[in-house]
Amino acid sequence: MLSFSSKIEEVNKIGPAYLKKLHRLKIKTIRDLFLHFPHRYDDFSHFVSISELQINQVATIQGEVVKINYASRSRWRRMGLTEALVKDETGTIKAVWFNQPYLTETLKEGVKVNLSGKIARAKTVLSFSNPAYEIVNKADFTHTGRLVPVYHETAGLSSRYLRYIIKPLLYLTETANDFLPEEIQKEFNLDNLNQSIQQIHFPSDALSAQKARRRLAFNELFLIQLNTLLQKKELEKKRATAIPFNQKLIKSFVKKLPFKLTDDQRVAAWEIFQDMEKNKPMNRLLDGDVGSGKTIAALIAALQTAKAGYQTAFMAPTEILARQHFQTFQNFLKEQDLKIALLTSSVPKTKLKKLIREGEVDIIIGTHSLIQESVSFKNLALAIVDEQHRFGVIQRAALQKNIYEMEDGLPTIPHLLSMTATPIPRTLALTIYGDLDISIIKEMPKGRQKVITKIVAPAGRQKTYDFIKNQIENKKQAFVICPL
């Protein structure tokens, strides 16, 4: 007996060849198949008589196959052409398919058929080019005459095939266990789960598709929120080193800076200090545009940690960024009598790892090298992750696996400060990063030029090149970043 958890190979008529293709789409169970939602719909719901068809119209006609034949056109690089003539009570229309010779066996003369697609002009007459087709033997259509789901595909596996295997299985949704309580469904005017799964794949109309999409999107956000809440609760059970706020140290350091901190920087730093004073692990996201001063806020937290006698690890996504941060920390902390080290794939490690393990290095800056099993810390109390979206959850969590015991013998994990330059509205950030507390730096330091972002259409490419050339001629710089 089939169920949501049944393996996809248990479904009738799915052979080894199609099984391999379904696996490429990460479809391994019936649940996976149902969760492979359409990315759009073709609206073939508008039935029109042949005499009323117009060029460029998207429509469905229902008629009888008068004749059909297949011819190989060698001059078109072996392209085969299937041509059919279909009639209804108002007229006839030609339909053309490329490289589908099997249609002569499927759409035989006298068969009643639906054709759906865009009307084109062939010389002086209207015709269908590669229309969707469906033999009429029941009132409920799958590939024509309705909103037709279109899925993400893979080589050799079409949306037509996915529709073919999904529709007969939808009866299983009647046994779906809806995890959302009825009161929540009523409060947010949501359809039940089994109805939504059916309607997302084969909607009765556009409104039904929209309501199904809304319910299933609610599911995703609800589960994200639930998961982050559970993570936050789990983190609250753990213990971190409480780093007391050293007002004298921080006030003296900030006073000697060659610039004045913005109000947003001060607020962010204060929120970090408040978190670190607790023996519960900090899990804070510091969000600010490039040049807003996130690094200095993180640096101040690292300074306080080091002066309290504990280590800080600062992880950057690339070696170039790691070296830049290393230089920044050295420049600003040169009078603080701290040992700062750079650990990347190109830096000799044996001696440095020993110093880190023995606690002889206060602040360690590096790349993924910091989370190698061979790297261990004596008393890591603060982990800072730059451009946190560039690291996976597992990579970020790896830094917090550096557990050490306090004098009372209880294990502790480091505080975690993540940084991002991706502008995220607070409400969206709370949805995606519900397990993190958030500090946002909007205010730019005085004297900092405003960042102007523009999107240029392909037609404006030459104008952009001219702008770059002008900047270079005026002894300015330009960076052109290309995809890999």
Protein backbone atom coordinates (compact mmCIF):
# COMPACT_ATOMS: atom_id res chain seq x y z
CA MET A 1 0.00 0.00 0.00
CA LEU A 2 1.41 3.36 -1.04
CA SER A 3 1.93 6.24 1.38
CA PHE A 4 3.78 9.57 1.49
CA SER A 5 6.92 7.79 2.65
CA SER A 6 6.83 5.13 -0.09
CA LYS A 7 9.87 5.05 -2.34
CA ILE A 8 9.24 6.41 -5.80
CA GLU A 9 10.20 3.09 -7.43
CA GLU A 10 7.15 1.52 -5.77
CA VAL A 11 4.90 3.61 -8.02
CA ASN A 12 3.53 1.67 -10.97
CA LYS A 13 5.05 2.34 -14.42
CA ILE A 14 8.24 4.01 -13.13
CA GLY A 15 11.12 2.02 -14.60
CA PRO A 16 14.88 2.24 -13.95
CA ALA A 17 15.50 4.91 -16.62
CA TYR A 18 12.89 7.33 -15.25
CA LEU A 19 13.86 6.47 -11.67
CA LYS A 20 17.38 7.74 -12.32
CA LYS A 21 16.02 10.97 -13.80
CA LEU A 22 13.66 11.50 -10.86
CA HIS A 23 16.58 11.04 -8.48
CA ARG A 24 18.39 13.82 -10.35
CA LEU A 25 15.52 16.09 -9.28
CA LYS A 26 15.98 14.80 -5.69
CA ILE A 27 12.65 12.95 -5.93
CA LYS A 28 13.10 9.71 -3.99
CA THR A 29 9.73 9.32 -2.26
CA ILE A 30 6.11 10.17 -3.01
CA ARG A 31 6.45 13.00 -0.49
CA ASP A 32 9.33 14.43 -2.54
CA LEU A 33 7.17 14.15 -5.66
CA PHE A 34 4.30 16.07 -4.06
CA LEU A 35 6.76 18.72 -2.82
CA HIS A 36 8.12 19.22 -6.35
CA PHE A 37 5.78 22.16 -6.94
CA PRO A 38 5.09 23.77 -10.33
CA HIS A 39 7.06 26.93 -10.97
CA ARG A 40 4.35 28.29 -13.28
CA TYR A 41 1.13 27.38 -15.08
CA ASP A 42 0.10 27.46 -18.73
CA ASP A 43 -3.44 28.79 -18.93
CA PHE A 44 -5.09 26.48 -21.45
CA SER A 45 -8.51 26.80 -19.83
CA HIS A 46 -10.00 28.92 -22.63
CA PHE A 47 -11.82 26.67 -25.13
CA VAL A 48 -12.36 28.26 -28.55
CA SER A 49 -13.94 26.98 -31.75
CA ILE A 50 -11.51 26.74 -34.67
CA SER A 51 -13.24 29.49 -36.66
CA GLU A 52 -12.72 31.97 -33.78
CA LEU A 53 -8.96 31.42 -33.40
CA GLN A 54 -6.66 34.43 -33.84
CA ILE A 55 -2.91 34.72 -34.35
CA ASN A 56 -0.85 34.77 -31.11
CA GLN A 57 -3.88 33.65 -29.11
CA VAL A 58 -3.30 31.03 -26.39
CA ALA A 59 -6.27 28.69 -26.52
CA THR A 60 -7.59 25.14 -26.43
CA ILE A 61 -9.62 23.56 -29.22
CA GLN A 62 -11.42 20.24 -29.15
CA GLY A 63 -11.85 18.34 -32.36
CA GLU A 64 -11.35 15.17 -34.37
CA VAL A 65 -8.13 14.08 -36.07
CA VAL A 66 -8.87 14.03 -39.80
CA LYS A 67 -5.42 12.88 -40.90
CA ILE A 68 -1.90 12.64 -39.52
CA ASN A 69 1.47 11.78 -41.03
CA TYR A 70 5.17 11.90 -40.25
CA ALA A 71 7.91 12.91 -42.67
CA SER A 72 11.67 13.06 -42.22
CA ARG A 73 13.23 16.29 -43.49
CA SER A 74 16.92 15.46 -44.07
CA ARG A 75 17.68 18.96 -45.26
CA TRP A 76 16.76 20.13 -41.74
CA ARG A 77 19.51 18.03 -40.15
CA ARG A 78 17.35 14.92 -39.85
CA MET A 79 14.47 16.82 -38.28
CA GLY A 80 11.21 14.91 -38.49
CA LEU A 81 7.87 16.63 -38.85
CA THR A 82 4.51 15.28 -37.67
CA GLU A 83 1.55 17.07 -39.23
CA ALA A 84 -2.08 16.59 -38.26
CA LEU A 85 -5.30 18.10 -39.50
CA VAL A 86 -7.97 18.55 -36.82
CA LYS A 87 -11.58 19.62 -37.36
CA ASP A 88 -14.52 20.75 -35.29
CA GLU A 89 -17.99 21.83 -36.39
CA THR A 90 -16.66 25.28 -37.44
CA GLY A 91 -13.54 24.47 -39.44
CA THR A 92 -10.12 22.79 -39.58
CA ILE A 93 -6.62 23.65 -38.36
CA LYS A 94 -3.19 22.14 -38.89
CA ALA A 95 -0.95 21.13 -35.98
CA VAL A 96 2.79 20.54 -36.31
CA TRP A 97 5.18 18.70 -33.96
CA PHE A 98 8.93 18.28 -34.38
CA ASN A 99 10.72 14.94 -33.85
CA GLN A 100 7.72 13.15 -32.35
CA PRO A 101 7.01 10.30 -34.82
CA TYR A 102 5.16 8.28 -32.16
CA LEU A 103 2.24 10.72 -32.40
CA THR A 104 1.02 8.94 -35.54
CA GLU A 105 0.27 5.94 -33.30
CA THR A 106 -1.19 8.05 -30.47
CA LEU A 107 -3.37 10.50 -32.40
CA LYS A 108 -4.92 8.22 -34.99
CA GLU A 109 -7.54 9.37 -37.49
CA GLY A 110 -10.96 9.68 -35.90
CA VAL A 111 -9.60 10.22 -32.38
CA LYS A 112 -11.19 13.06 -30.40
CA VAL A 113 -8.43 15.33 -29.12
CA ASN A 114 -7.71 18.56 -27.27
CA LEU A 115 -4.94 20.81 -28.60
CA SER A 116 -3.62 23.66 -26.44
CA GLY A 117 -1.03 26.28 -27.25
CA LYS A 118 -0.26 29.50 -29.06
CA ILE A 119 -1.70 30.09 -32.50
CA ALA A 120 0.84 30.89 -35.21
CA ARG A 121 0.56 31.76 -38.88
CA ALA A 122 1.93 29.33 -41.46
CA LYS A 123 1.96 31.18 -44.78
CA THR A 124 -1.66 32.32 -45.14
CA VAL A 125 -3.34 29.99 -42.64
CA LEU A 126 -3.36 29.66 -38.86
CA SER A 127 -1.80 26.61 -37.19
CA PHE A 128 -0.58 25.13 -33.92
CA SER A 129 3.18 24.67 -33.49
CA ASN A 130 4.13 21.98 -30.96
CA PRO A 131 0.81 22.19 -29.08
CA ALA A 132 0.05 20.23 -25.94
CA TYR A 133 -2.29 17.39 -26.81
CA GLU A 134 -4.64 15.08 -24.95
CA ILE A 135 -7.03 12.39 -26.10
CA VAL A 136 -10.55 13.16 -24.90
CA ASN A 137 -11.87 10.17 -22.98
CA LYS A 138 -12.96 11.85 -19.76
CA ALA A 139 -14.12 15.25 -18.55
CA ASP A 140 -11.13 15.84 -16.25
CA PHE A 141 -8.12 16.94 -18.31
CA THR A 142 -4.45 16.74 -17.33
CA HIS A 143 -2.36 18.36 -20.09
CA THR A 144 -4.91 20.64 -21.83
CA GLY A 145 -8.12 22.56 -21.23
CA ARG A 146 -7.14 23.83 -17.78
CA LEU A 147 -4.41 25.59 -15.81
CA VAL A 148 -1.59 23.20 -16.67
CA PRO A 149 1.31 22.90 -14.18
CA VAL A 150 4.85 23.35 -15.52
CA TYR A 151 7.66 21.91 -13.40
CA HIS A 152 11.42 22.21 -13.20
CA GLU A 153 12.65 19.43 -15.47
CA THR A 154 15.79 17.46 -16.22
CA ALA A 155 17.10 15.90 -19.43
CA GLY A 156 14.69 13.24 -20.63
CA LEU A 157 12.01 14.01 -18.03
CA SER A 158 9.31 16.47 -19.03
CA SER A 159 6.53 18.27 -17.19
CA ARG A 160 4.10 16.09 -19.13
CA TYR A 161 5.61 12.98 -17.54
CA LEU A 162 5.53 14.54 -14.06
CA ARG A 163 1.85 15.40 -14.52
CA TYR A 164 1.27 11.84 -15.70
CA ILE A 165 2.66 10.29 -12.50
CA ILE A 166 1.53 12.92 -9.97
CA LYS A 167 -2.17 13.11 -10.77
CA PRO A 168 -3.09 9.44 -10.10
CA LEU A 169 -1.33 9.64 -6.72
CA LEU A 170 -3.15 12.68 -5.37
CA TYR A 171 -5.72 10.48 -3.66
CA LEU A 172 -3.00 9.85 -1.05
CA THR A 173 -3.31 13.46 0.15
CA GLU A 174 -6.62 12.53 1.77
CA THR A 175 -4.60 10.72 4.44
CA ALA A 176 -2.21 13.65 4.96
CA ASN A 177 -1.73 14.59 8.61
CA ASP A 178 -2.19 18.36 8.78
CA PHE A 179 0.17 19.59 11.51
CA LEU A 180 -1.43 23.05 11.64
CA PRO A 181 -4.20 23.27 14.26
CA GLU A 182 -7.61 24.26 12.90
CA GLU A 183 -7.61 27.49 14.92
CA ILE A 184 -4.45 28.66 13.11
CA GLN A 185 -5.93 27.70 9.75
CA LYS A 186 -9.03 29.73 10.54
CA GLU A 187 -7.11 32.69 11.96
CA PHE A 188 -5.01 33.07 8.80
CA ASN A 189 -7.71 31.90 6.37
CA LEU A 190 -5.67 28.92 5.17
CA ASP A 191 -6.86 25.88 3.24
CA ASN A 192 -6.17 22.46 4.71
CA LEU A 193 -3.02 20.61 3.67
CA ASN A 194 -4.48 17.89 1.45
CA GLN A 195 -6.59 20.38 -0.50
CA SER A 196 -3.56 22.66 -0.94
CA ILE A 197 -1.34 19.87 -2.29
CA GLN A 198 -4.03 18.90 -4.80
CA GLN A 199 -4.65 22.47 -5.89
CA ILE A 200 -0.98 23.44 -6.22
CA HIS A 201 -0.53 20.66 -8.78
CA PHE A 202 -3.91 20.73 -10.54
CA PRO A 203 -5.73 23.93 -9.58
CA SER A 204 -9.41 24.41 -10.37
CA ASP A 205 -8.66 28.05 -11.23
CA ALA A 206 -6.09 30.80 -10.65
CA LEU A 207 -7.52 31.72 -7.23
CA SER A 208 -7.27 28.11 -6.03
CA ALA A 209 -3.63 27.98 -7.16
CA GLN A 210 -2.90 31.22 -5.31
CA LYS A 211 -4.54 29.97 -2.09
CA ALA A 212 -2.63 26.68 -2.28
CA ARG A 213 0.65 28.52 -2.80
CA ARG A 214 -0.12 30.76 0.18
CA ARG A 215 -0.83 27.79 2.48
CA LEU A 216 2.31 25.90 1.41
CA ALA A 217 4.44 29.05 1.74
CA PHE A 218 3.00 29.49 5.23
CA ASN A 219 4.11 25.92 5.98
CA GLU A 220 7.69 26.69 4.98
CA LEU A 221 7.90 29.89 7.04
CA PHE A 222 6.15 28.27 10.00
CA LEU A 223 8.60 25.35 10.03
CA ILE A 224 11.58 27.71 9.68
CA GLN A 225 10.31 29.69 12.66
CA LEU A 226 9.67 26.53 14.66
CA ASN A 227 13.13 25.18 13.89
CA THR A 228 14.87 28.44 14.81
CA LEU A 229 12.87 28.63 18.04
CA LEU A 230 13.96 25.09 18.95
CA GLN A 231 17.58 25.99 18.13
CA LYS A 232 17.35 29.07 20.31
CA LYS A 233 15.87 27.06 23.19
CA GLU A 234 18.62 24.47 22.81
CA LEU A 235 21.30 27.17 22.83
CA GLU A 236 19.85 28.67 26.00
CA LYS A 237 20.57 25.38 27.78
CA LYS A 238 24.29 25.78 27.07
CA ARG A 239 26.80 27.90 28.91
CA ALA A 240 29.35 30.49 27.81
CA THR A 241 32.05 32.50 29.51
CA ALA A 242 30.71 35.74 30.97
CA ILE A 243 32.99 38.59 29.84
CA PRO A 244 32.51 41.60 32.16
CA PHE A 245 32.19 44.99 30.49
CA ASN A 246 35.50 46.81 30.95
CA GLN A 247 34.31 50.39 30.73
CA LYS A 248 37.71 51.95 31.38
CA LEU A 249 39.41 49.88 28.67
CA ILE A 250 36.76 50.48 26.02
CA LYS A 251 36.39 54.18 26.77
CA SER A 252 40.16 54.70 26.50
CA PHE A 253 40.39 52.70 23.26
CA VAL A 254 37.47 54.47 21.57
CA LYS A 255 38.85 57.87 22.58
CA LYS A 256 42.14 57.15 20.76
CA LEU A 257 40.47 56.07 17.51
CA PRO A 258 41.23 58.39 14.55
CA PHE A 259 37.48 58.74 13.94
CA LYS A 260 34.31 59.05 15.97
CA LEU A 261 32.02 56.06 16.23
CA THR A 262 28.54 56.54 14.80
CA ASP A 263 25.53 56.21 17.07
CA ASP A 264 24.64 52.90 15.37
CA GLN A 265 28.14 51.54 16.03
CA ARG A 266 27.89 52.51 19.70
CA VAL A 267 24.48 50.87 20.06
CA ALA A 268 25.66 47.69 18.31
CA ALA A 269 28.79 47.48 20.48
CA TRP A 270 26.74 48.02 23.64
CA GLU A 271 24.30 45.24 22.63
CA ILE A 272 27.27 42.91 22.07
CA PHE A 273 28.77 43.80 25.47
CA GLN A 274 25.45 43.15 27.19
CA ASP A 275 25.20 39.72 25.55
CA MET A 276 28.77 38.79 26.48
CA GLU A 277 28.28 39.73 30.14
CA LYS A 278 25.90 36.77 30.46
CA ASN A 279 26.93 33.17 30.92
CA LYS A 280 24.51 32.21 28.13
CA PRO A 281 26.03 32.05 24.61
CA MET A 282 25.58 35.18 22.52
CA ASN A 283 24.14 34.48 19.06
CA ARG A 284 23.98 37.89 17.39
CA LEU A 285 23.85 39.02 13.75
CA LEU A 286 25.53 42.35 12.96
CA ASP A 287 24.04 43.71 9.73
CA GLY A 288 25.45 46.75 7.95
CA ASP A 289 26.41 47.92 4.48
CA VAL A 290 30.00 47.78 3.27
CA GLY A 291 31.90 50.63 4.96
CA SER A 292 29.37 51.08 7.77
CA GLY A 293 31.90 50.04 10.42
CA LYS A 294 30.91 46.52 11.42
CA THR A 295 34.53 45.40 11.74
CA ILE A 296 35.43 48.01 14.36
CA ALA A 297 32.45 46.93 16.49
CA ALA A 298 33.64 43.32 16.26
CA LEU A 299 37.23 44.39 16.96
CA ILE A 300 36.18 46.15 20.18
CA ALA A 301 34.44 42.95 21.33
CA ALA A 302 37.60 40.96 20.54
CA LEU A 303 39.72 43.48 22.48
CA GLN A 304 37.57 43.15 25.59
CA THR A 305 37.65 39.33 25.30
CA ALA A 306 41.45 39.26 24.98
CA LYS A 307 41.98 41.62 27.91
CA ALA A 308 39.75 39.37 30.01
CA GLY A 309 42.18 36.53 29.30
CA TYR A 310 40.29 34.60 26.63
CA GLN A 311 40.76 33.87 22.93
CA THR A 312 38.84 35.17 19.91
CA ALA A 313 38.57 33.46 16.49
CA PHE A 314 37.63 35.60 13.47
CA MET A 315 36.62 33.58 10.39
CA ALA A 316 36.46 35.19 6.92
CA PRO A 317 35.27 33.50 3.69
CA THR A 318 38.41 34.21 1.63
CA GLU A 319 42.13 34.52 2.28
CA ILE A 320 42.16 38.07 0.88
CA LEU A 321 39.50 39.18 3.38
CA ALA A 322 41.27 37.34 6.20
CA ARG A 323 44.50 39.19 5.43
CA GLN A 324 42.66 42.53 5.29
CA HIS A 325 41.09 41.91 8.70
CA PHE A 326 44.45 40.78 10.09
CA GLN A 327 46.02 44.05 8.95
CA THR A 328 43.12 46.06 10.41
CA PHE A 329 43.40 44.34 13.81
CA GLN A 330 47.16 44.83 13.88
CA ASN A 331 46.85 48.54 13.05
CA PHE A 332 44.18 49.34 15.64
CA LEU A 333 45.47 47.08 18.43
CA LYS A 334 49.21 47.72 18.10
CA GLU A 335 49.34 49.48 21.50
CA GLN A 336 47.35 46.80 23.33
CA ASP A 337 50.13 44.21 23.83
CA LEU A 338 48.10 41.42 22.24
CA LYS A 339 49.24 38.49 20.13
CA ILE A 340 47.31 38.40 16.84
CA ALA A 341 47.84 35.61 14.30
CA LEU A 342 46.74 34.80 10.75
CA LEU A 343 45.79 31.20 9.97
CA THR A 344 45.03 30.36 6.32
CA SER A 345 45.86 27.53 3.94
CA SER A 346 49.03 29.32 2.77
CA VAL A 347 50.42 30.04 6.26
CA PRO A 348 52.81 27.47 7.88
CA LYS A 349 50.72 25.94 10.65
CA THR A 350 52.59 23.52 12.88
CA LYS A 351 54.16 26.04 15.29
CA LEU A 352 51.18 28.41 15.13
CA LYS A 353 48.70 25.65 16.00
CA LYS A 354 50.81 24.79 19.05
CA LEU A 355 50.75 28.42 20.20
CA ILE A 356 46.98 28.60 19.71
CA ARG A 357 46.46 25.35 21.60
CA GLU A 358 48.57 26.61 24.50
CA GLY A 359 46.76 29.96 24.63
CA GLU A 360 49.76 32.01 23.51
CA VAL A 361 47.68 33.75 20.79
CA ASP A 362 44.86 36.09 21.80
CA ILE A 363 43.13 36.76 18.48
CA ILE A 364 43.26 34.26 15.59
CA ILE A 365 42.07 35.43 12.18
CA GLY A 366 41.62 32.96 9.34
CA THR A 367 39.50 31.17 6.79
CA HIS A 368 37.99 27.66 6.89
CA SER A 369 41.34 26.60 8.32
CA LEU A 370 40.04 27.67 11.73
CA ILE A 371 37.51 24.82 11.81
CA GLN A 372 39.90 22.02 10.89
CA GLU A 373 40.02 19.20 13.42
CA SER A 374 43.74 19.82 13.90
CA VAL A 375 43.08 23.36 15.19
CA SER A 376 42.18 23.55 18.87
CA PHE A 377 41.97 26.49 21.25
CA LYS A 378 42.86 26.74 24.91
CA ASN A 379 39.96 28.98 25.95
CA LEU A 380 38.00 30.29 22.95
CA ALA A 381 35.34 32.66 24.31
CA LEU A 382 34.31 34.61 21.18
CA ALA A 383 33.82 33.43 17.59
CA ILE A 384 33.27 36.06 14.88
CA VAL A 385 32.08 35.04 11.40
CA ASP A 386 32.33 37.61 8.59
CA GLU A 387 29.91 37.43 5.65
CA GLN A 388 28.08 34.68 7.50
CA HIS A 389 25.87 33.85 4.48
CA ARG A 390 29.01 32.53 2.75
CA PHE A 391 29.29 29.76 5.33
CA GLY A 392 26.91 26.88 5.92
CA VAL A 393 25.17 26.27 9.23
CA ILE A 394 27.54 23.38 9.96
CA GLN A 395 30.62 25.52 9.28
CA ARG A 396 29.40 28.30 11.57
CA ALA A 397 28.50 25.81 14.27
CA ALA A 398 31.93 24.16 13.99
CA LEU A 399 33.55 27.16 15.68
CA GLN A 400 31.21 26.74 18.64
CA LYS A 401 32.31 23.13 19.08
CA ASN A 402 35.46 24.42 20.76
CA ILE A 403 34.34 23.54 24.27
CA TYR A 404 36.57 24.07 27.27
CA GLU A 405 36.02 23.72 30.99
CA MET A 406 35.88 26.57 33.47
CA GLU A 407 37.44 26.34 36.91
CA ASP A 408 34.24 24.76 38.21
CA GLY A 409 34.62 21.96 35.67
CA LEU A 410 31.49 22.88 33.67
CA PRO A 411 31.83 22.97 29.85
CA THR A 412 31.37 26.24 27.96
CA ILE A 413 31.02 27.23 24.31
CA PRO A 414 32.09 30.54 22.73
CA HIS A 415 29.84 33.52 22.11
CA LEU A 416 29.01 33.85 18.39
CA LEU A 417 28.93 37.14 16.47
CA SER A 418 27.95 36.86 12.79
CA MET A 419 28.36 39.75 10.34
CA THR A 420 26.73 40.40 6.98
CA ALA A 421 26.70 43.23 4.46
CA THR A 422 23.52 41.92 2.83
CA PRO A 423 20.74 44.46 3.49
CA ILE A 424 17.94 42.51 5.16
CA PRO A 425 14.73 44.19 6.41
CA ARG A 426 14.38 43.52 10.12
CA THR A 427 11.07 41.64 9.76
CA LEU A 428 12.56 39.34 7.11
CA ALA A 429 15.73 38.87 9.14
CA LEU A 430 13.67 37.84 12.17
CA THR A 431 11.92 35.27 9.97
CA ILE A 432 15.07 33.79 8.44
CA TYR A 433 17.36 34.22 11.44
CA GLY A 434 14.85 33.81 14.25
CA ASP A 435 17.47 32.14 16.42
CA LEU A 436 19.72 35.23 16.26
CA ASP A 437 19.48 38.59 17.98
CA ILE A 438 20.02 41.36 15.44
CA SER A 439 21.96 44.63 15.48
CA ILE A 440 21.72 46.87 12.43
CA ILE A 441 24.20 49.61 11.48
CA LYS A 442 22.49 51.96 9.03
CA GLU A 443 24.43 55.17 9.69
CA MET A 444 27.62 55.57 7.66
CA PRO A 445 30.72 57.20 9.21
CA LYS A 446 31.17 60.90 8.50
CA GLY A 447 33.04 61.63 5.31
CA ARG A 448 32.12 58.29 3.81
CA GLN A 449 30.80 58.67 0.28
CA LYS A 450 27.28 57.42 -0.33
CA VAL A 451 27.13 54.06 -2.09
CA ILE A 452 25.13 54.32 -5.31
CA THR A 453 23.82 51.08 -6.77
CA LYS A 454 22.48 50.95 -10.32
CA ILE A 455 21.13 48.17 -12.50
CA VAL A 456 22.07 48.48 -16.16
CA ALA A 457 20.10 46.72 -18.88
CA PRO A 458 22.05 44.95 -21.67
CA ALA A 459 21.28 47.86 -23.97
CA GLY A 460 23.27 50.15 -21.66
CA ARG A 461 26.43 48.02 -21.67
CA GLN A 462 28.45 50.38 -23.90
CA LYS A 463 27.40 53.38 -21.82
CA THR A 464 28.69 51.54 -18.73
CA TYR A 465 32.02 50.82 -20.45
CA ASP A 466 32.31 54.51 -21.33
CA PHE A 467 31.68 55.43 -17.67
CA ILE A 468 34.40 53.00 -16.50
CA LYS A 469 36.83 54.40 -19.07
CA ASN A 470 36.11 57.93 -17.85
CA GLN A 471 36.77 56.90 -14.22
CA ILE A 472 40.13 55.38 -15.16
CA GLU A 473 41.12 58.45 -17.19
CA ASN A 474 40.42 60.49 -14.03
CA LYS A 475 42.88 58.27 -12.10
CA LYS A 476 40.13 56.35 -10.31
CA GLN A 477 39.67 52.60 -10.09
CA ALA A 478 37.11 50.11 -11.31
CA PHE A 479 36.51 46.50 -10.33
CA VAL A 480 34.87 44.13 -12.80
CA ILE A 481 33.66 40.98 -11.05
CA CYS A 482 32.95 38.03 -13.33
CA PRO A 483 31.14 34.76 -12.49
CA LEU A 484 33.20 31.59 -12.29
